[in-house]
Amino acid sequence: AINSARRQGVPLDTQVK
């Protein structure tokens, strides 16, 4: 899911943490 977020340029990585 992080890959899709990076494609949009949205730091969803912070949401996962």
PDB file of N, CA and C in Angstrom:
ATOM      1  N   ALA A   1       0.862  -1.216   0.000  1.00  0.00           N
ATOM      2  CA  ALA A   1       0.000   0.000   0.000  1.00  0.00           C
ATOM      3  C   ALA A   1       0.880   1.242   0.000  1.00  0.00           C
ATOM      4  N   ILE A   2       2.080   1.090   0.548  1.00  0.00           N
ATOM      5  CA  ILE A   2       2.989   2.247   0.597  1.00  0.00           C
ATOM      6  C   ILE A   2       3.448   2.619  -0.812  1.00  0.00           C
ATOM      7  N   ASN A   3       3.601   1.590  -1.663  1.00  0.00           N
ATOM      8  CA  ASN A   3       4.029   1.852  -3.041  1.00  0.00           C
ATOM      9  C   ASN A   3       3.028   2.757  -3.747  1.00  0.00           C
ATOM     10  N   SER A   4       1.751   2.487  -3.556  1.00  0.00           N
ATOM     11  CA  SER A   4       0.708   3.295  -4.198  1.00  0.00           C
ATOM     12  C   SER A   4       0.763   4.719  -3.649  1.00  0.00           C
ATOM     13  N   ALA A   5       1.041   4.837  -2.366  1.00  0.00           N
ATOM     14  CA  ALA A   5       1.089   6.164  -1.746  1.00  0.00           C
ATOM     15  C   ALA A   5       2.252   6.969  -2.317  1.00  0.00           C
ATOM     16  N   ARG A   6       3.376   6.325  -2.494  1.00  0.00           N
ATOM     17  CA  ARG A   6       4.553   7.040  -3.003  1.00  0.00           C
ATOM     18  C   ARG A   6       4.307   7.490  -4.444  1.00  0.00           C
ATOM     19  N   ARG A   7       3.530   6.735  -5.164  1.00  0.00           N
ATOM     20  CA  ARG A   7       3.242   7.121  -6.553  1.00  0.00           C
ATOM     21  C   ARG A   7       2.459   8.431  -6.570  1.00  0.00           C
ATOM     22  N   GLN A   8       1.608   8.606  -5.577  1.00  0.00           N
ATOM     23  CA  GLN A   8       0.830   9.839  -5.502  1.00  0.00           C
ATOM     24  C   GLN A   8       1.626  10.938  -4.807  1.00  0.00           C
ATOM     25  N   GLY A   9       2.711  10.541  -4.147  1.00  0.00           N
ATOM     26  CA  GLY A   9       3.526  11.543  -3.457  1.00  0.00           C
ATOM     27  C   GLY A   9       2.972  11.838  -2.073  1.00  0.00           C
ATOM     28  N   VAL A  10       2.157  10.911  -1.541  1.00  0.00           N
ATOM     29  CA  VAL A  10       1.591  11.133  -0.205  1.00  0.00           C
ATOM     30  C   VAL A  10       2.319  10.252   0.803  1.00  0.00           C
ATOM     31  N   PRO A  11       2.866  10.856   1.830  1.00  0.00           N
ATOM     32  CA  PRO A  11       3.617  10.105   2.848  1.00  0.00           C
ATOM     33  C   PRO A  11       2.702   9.280   3.737  1.00  0.00           C
ATOM     34  N   LEU A  12       2.123   8.220   3.177  1.00  0.00           N
ATOM     35  CA  LEU A  12       1.246   7.370   3.992  1.00  0.00           C
ATOM     36  C   LEU A  12       2.091   6.541   4.957  1.00  0.00           C
ATOM     37  N   ASP A  13       3.388   6.549   4.735  1.00  0.00           N
ATOM     38  CA  ASP A  13       4.270   5.782   5.615  1.00  0.00           C
ATOM     39  C   ASP A  13       4.100   6.251   7.063  1.00  0.00           C
ATOM     40  N   THR A  14       3.794   7.551   7.222  1.00  0.00           N
ATOM     41  CA  THR A  14       3.625   8.082   8.583  1.00  0.00           C
ATOM     42  C   THR A  14       2.330   7.555   9.176  1.00  0.00           C
ATOM     43  N   GLN A  15       1.343   7.255   8.329  1.00  0.00           N
ATOM     44  CA  GLN A  15       0.075   6.731   8.837  1.00  0.00           C
ATOM     45  C   GLN A  15       0.244   5.289   9.285  1.00  0.00           C
ATOM     46  N   VAL A  16       1.104   4.547   8.580  1.00  0.00           N
ATOM     47  CA  VAL A  16       1.328   3.143   8.929  1.00  0.00           C
ATOM     48  C   VAL A  16       2.035   3.056  10.276  1.00  0.00           C
ATOM     49  N   LYS A  17       2.916   4.021  10.506  1.00  0.00           N
ATOM     50  CA  LYS A  17       3.642   4.014  11.790  1.00  0.00           C
ATOM     51  C   LYS A  17       2.710   4.559  12.863  1.00  0.00           C
TER      52      LYS A  17
END
